[in-house]
N, C-alpha and C. Protein backbone atom coordinates (compact mmCIF):
# COMPACT_ATOMS: atom_id res chain seq x y z
N UNK A 1 -22.74 -47.87 90.88
CA UNK A 1 -22.07 -48.14 89.99
C UNK A 1 -22.74 -48.89 89.31
N UNK A 2 -22.84 -49.92 89.42
CA UNK A 2 -22.93 -51.22 88.43
C UNK A 2 -24.27 -50.05 87.90
N UNK A 3 -25.38 -49.07 87.98
CA UNK A 3 -26.20 -48.70 87.67
C UNK A 3 -25.60 -47.56 86.16
N UNK A 4 -24.46 -47.37 86.87
CA UNK A 4 -24.16 -45.85 85.60
C UNK A 4 -23.60 -46.38 84.88
N UNK A 5 -23.06 -47.74 85.27
CA UNK A 5 -22.70 -48.17 83.87
C UNK A 5 -23.29 -48.27 83.42
N UNK A 6 -24.31 -49.41 83.01
CA UNK A 6 -25.93 -49.65 83.25
C UNK A 6 -26.69 -48.53 82.13
N UNK A 7 -26.39 -47.62 82.73
CA UNK A 7 -26.91 -45.83 82.02
C UNK A 7 -26.43 -46.23 80.78
N UNK A 8 -25.20 -45.45 81.50
CA UNK A 8 -24.40 -45.42 79.72
C UNK A 8 -24.65 -46.29 78.59
N UNK A 9 -24.27 -47.49 79.33
CA UNK A 9 -24.37 -48.32 78.32
C UNK A 9 -25.82 -48.31 76.95
N UNK A 10 -27.04 -48.28 78.21
CA UNK A 10 -28.31 -47.88 77.20
C UNK A 10 -27.95 -46.77 76.65
N UNK A 11 -27.55 -46.00 76.60
CA UNK A 11 -27.21 -45.12 76.03
C UNK A 11 -26.79 -44.51 75.09
N UNK A 12 -25.27 -45.55 74.72
CA UNK A 12 -25.12 -45.94 73.61
C UNK A 12 -25.68 -46.76 72.94
N UNK A 13 -26.40 -47.96 73.64
CA UNK A 13 -27.08 -48.96 72.36
C UNK A 13 -28.08 -48.26 71.71
N UNK A 14 -28.83 -46.76 72.32
CA UNK A 14 -29.71 -46.09 71.64
C UNK A 14 -29.00 -44.78 70.57
N UNK A 15 -27.41 -44.70 70.65
CA UNK A 15 -26.82 -43.61 69.95
C UNK A 15 -26.21 -44.83 68.36
N UNK A 16 -26.22 -46.05 69.38
CA UNK A 16 -25.23 -47.00 67.81
C UNK A 16 -26.00 -48.23 67.74
N UNK A 17 -26.87 -48.56 68.13
CA UNK A 17 -28.76 -49.15 67.47
C UNK A 17 -28.54 -48.46 66.25
N UNK A 18 -29.22 -47.51 65.89
CA UNK A 18 -29.86 -46.53 64.85
C UNK A 18 -29.21 -46.17 63.43
N UNK A 19 -27.52 -46.19 64.20
CA UNK A 19 -26.16 -45.43 63.59
C UNK A 19 -25.82 -47.01 62.67
N UNK A 20 -26.17 -48.04 63.05
CA UNK A 20 -25.69 -49.24 62.66
C UNK A 20 -26.72 -49.70 61.46
N UNK A 21 -28.13 -49.26 61.57
CA UNK A 21 -29.08 -49.48 61.02
C UNK A 21 -29.42 -48.94 60.30
N UNK A 22 -28.49 -47.43 59.78
CA UNK A 22 -28.69 -46.67 58.27
C UNK A 22 -27.05 -47.37 57.72
N UNK A 23 -26.12 -46.93 58.58
CA UNK A 23 -25.14 -47.54 57.52
C UNK A 23 -25.03 -49.06 57.75
N UNK A 24 -25.92 -50.07 56.72
CA UNK A 24 -26.26 -51.24 56.67
C UNK A 24 -27.11 -50.95 55.88
N UNK A 25 -28.32 -50.26 56.24
CA UNK A 25 -29.22 -50.46 55.04
C UNK A 25 -29.01 -50.26 53.70
N UNK A 26 -29.54 -51.64 53.00
CA UNK A 26 -29.43 -51.47 51.37
C UNK A 26 -30.55 -51.68 51.45
N UNK A 27 -31.73 -51.35 49.97
CA UNK A 27 -32.47 -52.47 49.51
C UNK A 27 -32.47 -53.52 48.66
N UNK A 28 -33.37 -55.07 49.73
CA UNK A 28 -33.23 -55.45 48.02
C UNK A 28 -33.13 -55.29 46.53
N UNK A 29 -33.87 -53.80 46.37
CA UNK A 29 -33.86 -53.88 45.00
C UNK A 29 -32.80 -52.79 44.51
N UNK A 30 -32.06 -52.42 43.20
CA UNK A 30 -31.48 -51.78 43.10
C UNK A 30 -31.58 -50.71 42.37
N UNK A 31 -33.94 -50.54 42.70
CA UNK A 31 -34.24 -48.96 42.20
C UNK A 31 -34.41 -48.18 44.06
N UNK A 32 -33.65 -48.93 45.06
CA UNK A 32 -34.85 -48.60 46.14
C UNK A 32 -33.22 -47.34 46.61
N UNK A 33 -33.28 -46.41 47.00
CA UNK A 33 -32.66 -45.77 47.85
C UNK A 33 -33.07 -45.65 48.98
N UNK A 34 -31.64 -44.60 49.51
CA UNK A 34 -31.47 -44.15 51.10
C UNK A 34 -31.62 -42.63 51.24
N UNK A 35 -33.10 -42.37 51.84
CA UNK A 35 -33.26 -40.76 52.67
C UNK A 35 -32.00 -40.43 53.53
N UNK A 36 -30.75 -40.36 53.31
CA UNK A 36 -30.08 -39.84 54.46
C UNK A 36 -30.43 -38.44 54.87
N UNK A 37 -31.22 -37.60 54.69
CA UNK A 37 -31.32 -36.21 55.39
C UNK A 37 -32.52 -36.99 56.13
N UNK A 38 -33.42 -38.02 55.70
CA UNK A 38 -34.39 -38.32 57.29
C UNK A 38 -33.44 -38.69 58.43
N UNK A 39 -33.06 -39.85 57.46
CA UNK A 39 -32.40 -40.98 58.40
C UNK A 39 -31.75 -40.01 59.78
N UNK A 40 -30.59 -39.13 59.21
CA UNK A 40 -29.67 -37.81 59.85
C UNK A 40 -30.16 -36.75 60.62
N UNK A 41 -31.64 -36.22 60.23
CA UNK A 41 -33.42 -36.02 60.83
C UNK A 41 -33.64 -36.91 62.07
N UNK A 42 -33.94 -38.09 61.42
CA UNK A 42 -34.40 -38.35 63.07
C UNK A 42 -33.13 -39.64 64.10
N UNK A 43 -32.40 -39.59 63.11
CA UNK A 43 -30.92 -39.80 64.59
C UNK A 43 -30.52 -38.93 65.31
N UNK A 44 -30.89 -37.29 64.48
CA UNK A 44 -30.27 -35.95 65.32
C UNK A 44 -31.52 -35.95 66.17
N UNK A 45 -32.76 -35.81 65.73
CA UNK A 45 -34.18 -35.66 67.48
C UNK A 45 -33.96 -36.78 67.53
N UNK A 46 -33.72 -38.10 67.63
CA UNK A 46 -33.53 -38.77 69.23
C UNK A 46 -32.84 -38.94 69.79
N UNK A 47 -31.68 -38.15 69.63
CA UNK A 47 -30.40 -37.95 70.63
C UNK A 47 -31.12 -36.39 71.41
N UNK A 48 -31.51 -35.86 70.79
CA UNK A 48 -31.53 -34.63 71.63
C UNK A 48 -32.48 -35.15 72.24
N UNK A 49 -33.75 -35.55 71.59
CA UNK A 49 -34.55 -35.96 73.51
C UNK A 49 -34.02 -36.56 74.18
N UNK A 50 -32.97 -37.74 73.82
CA UNK A 50 -32.34 -38.07 75.51
C UNK A 50 -31.85 -37.16 75.81
N UNK A 51 -30.59 -35.83 75.51
CA UNK A 51 -30.00 -35.34 75.98
C UNK A 51 -30.45 -34.37 77.04
N UNK A 52 -31.89 -34.02 76.73
CA UNK A 52 -33.06 -33.25 77.00
C UNK A 52 -33.22 -33.57 78.13
N UNK A 53 -33.77 -35.26 77.67
CA UNK A 53 -34.36 -35.46 79.00
C UNK A 53 -33.14 -36.31 80.20
N UNK A 54 -32.49 -36.55 80.29
CA UNK A 54 -31.03 -36.93 81.25
C UNK A 54 -30.94 -35.44 81.75
N UNK A 55 -31.00 -34.00 80.64
CA UNK A 55 -30.35 -33.02 81.06
C UNK A 55 -31.23 -32.61 82.41
N UNK A 56 -32.97 -32.63 81.98
CA UNK A 56 -33.71 -32.52 83.43
C UNK A 56 -33.84 -33.66 83.93
N UNK A 57 -32.62 -34.44 84.62
CA UNK A 57 -33.51 -35.00 85.43
C UNK A 57 -32.58 -35.40 86.38
N UNK A 58 -30.80 -34.41 85.61
CA UNK A 58 -29.55 -34.26 86.18
C UNK A 58 -30.26 -32.53 87.22
N UNK A 59 -30.95 -31.66 86.30
CA UNK A 59 -31.15 -30.97 86.48
C UNK A 59 -32.31 -31.06 88.06
N UNK A 60 -32.97 -31.75 88.09
CA UNK A 60 -33.69 -31.93 89.07
C UNK A 60 -33.79 -33.15 89.64
N UNK A 61 -32.52 -33.07 89.73
CA UNK A 61 -32.02 -34.37 91.01
C UNK A 61 -30.80 -32.38 91.84
N UNK A 62 -30.12 -31.96 90.95
CA UNK A 62 -29.07 -30.41 91.79
C UNK A 62 -30.66 -30.03 92.45
N UNK A 63 -31.35 -29.20 91.85
CA UNK A 63 -32.52 -28.61 93.02
C UNK A 63 -32.98 -29.16 94.12
N UNK A 64 -32.55 -30.74 93.51
CA UNK A 64 -33.82 -31.29 94.48
C UNK A 64 -32.04 -31.41 95.58
N UNK A 65 -31.15 -31.91 95.15
CA UNK A 65 -30.44 -31.92 96.58
C UNK A 65 -29.71 -30.85 97.14
N UNK A 66 -30.25 -29.25 96.94
CA UNK A 66 -29.92 -28.14 96.93
C UNK A 66 -30.57 -27.58 97.93
N UNK A 67 -31.61 -28.00 96.90
CA UNK A 67 -32.89 -28.04 98.39
C UNK A 67 -32.87 -28.44 99.47
N UNK A 68 -33.08 -29.68 99.43
CA UNK A 68 -32.23 -30.71 100.80
C UNK A 68 -31.70 -30.52 101.67
N UNK A 69 -30.54 -30.02 101.55
CA UNK A 69 -29.23 -29.99 102.19
C UNK A 69 -29.04 -28.65 102.01
N UNK A 70 -30.09 -27.92 102.14
CA UNK A 70 -29.97 -26.42 102.97
C UNK A 70 -29.14 -26.15 104.20
N UNK A 71 -29.11 -25.25 104.95
CA UNK A 71 -28.53 -24.79 106.00
C UNK A 71 -29.96 -24.50 106.65
N UNK A 72 -30.28 -23.92 106.31
CA UNK A 72 -32.25 -23.20 106.84
C UNK A 72 -32.77 -24.77 106.74
N UNK A 73 -33.30 -25.31 105.58
CA UNK A 73 -33.44 -26.63 106.93
C UNK A 73 -33.63 -26.78 108.43
N UNK A 74 -35.28 -26.89 108.56
CA UNK A 74 -35.06 -27.17 110.09
C UNK A 74 -35.24 -28.25 110.75
N UNK A 75 -34.28 -29.23 109.60
CA UNK A 75 -34.02 -31.18 110.24
C UNK A 75 -32.75 -30.80 110.09
N UNK A 76 -31.44 -30.00 109.39
CA UNK A 76 -30.02 -30.50 108.94
C UNK A 76 -29.70 -29.31 110.58
N UNK A 77 -28.67 -30.73 111.07
CA UNK A 77 -28.41 -30.17 111.81
C UNK A 77 -26.06 -30.74 111.74
N UNK A 78 -25.52 -30.28 112.31
CA UNK A 78 -24.49 -30.38 111.94
C UNK A 78 -24.02 -32.44 112.39
N UNK A 79 -22.98 -33.29 111.61
CA UNK A 79 -22.88 -34.84 112.50
C UNK A 79 -21.83 -34.66 113.17
N UNK A 80 -21.73 -35.72 113.73
CA UNK A 80 -20.80 -36.02 114.42
C UNK A 80 -19.48 -35.20 113.97
N UNK A 81 -18.75 -35.88 113.39
CA UNK A 81 -18.11 -35.18 112.24
C UNK A 81 -17.31 -33.77 112.44
N UNK A 82 -18.10 -33.01 111.44
CA UNK A 82 -18.45 -31.68 111.78
C UNK A 82 -18.14 -31.00 113.43
N UNK A 83 -17.39 -31.90 113.86
CA UNK A 83 -17.50 -31.38 115.84
C UNK A 83 -17.79 -29.98 116.52
N UNK A 84 -19.14 -29.93 115.56
CA UNK A 84 -20.10 -29.01 116.66
C UNK A 84 -21.17 -30.47 117.72
N UNK A 85 -22.01 -30.31 119.46
CA UNK A 85 -22.53 -30.33 119.74
C UNK A 85 -23.97 -29.26 119.98
N UNK A 86 -25.14 -29.98 119.49
CA UNK A 86 -25.79 -28.87 119.34
C UNK A 86 -26.94 -29.98 120.02
């Protein structure tokens, strides 16, 4: 459970830090402006990269679980809790 909370904290930090950096960004001189389109695209690209990575890990884990615990697996035997003796 602690690992899950840690992962969510890291993901929140990945989204929150760049957003705060952009919101509080101000140039030292009055002539410096912020190109919001570039910053928004960078945030979008960064968060989509994180989303695709997390999605790939979750999908891979699900595929591995389905493959590992399928009924036709040679080592798949009912547990004592299932009530079948082999």
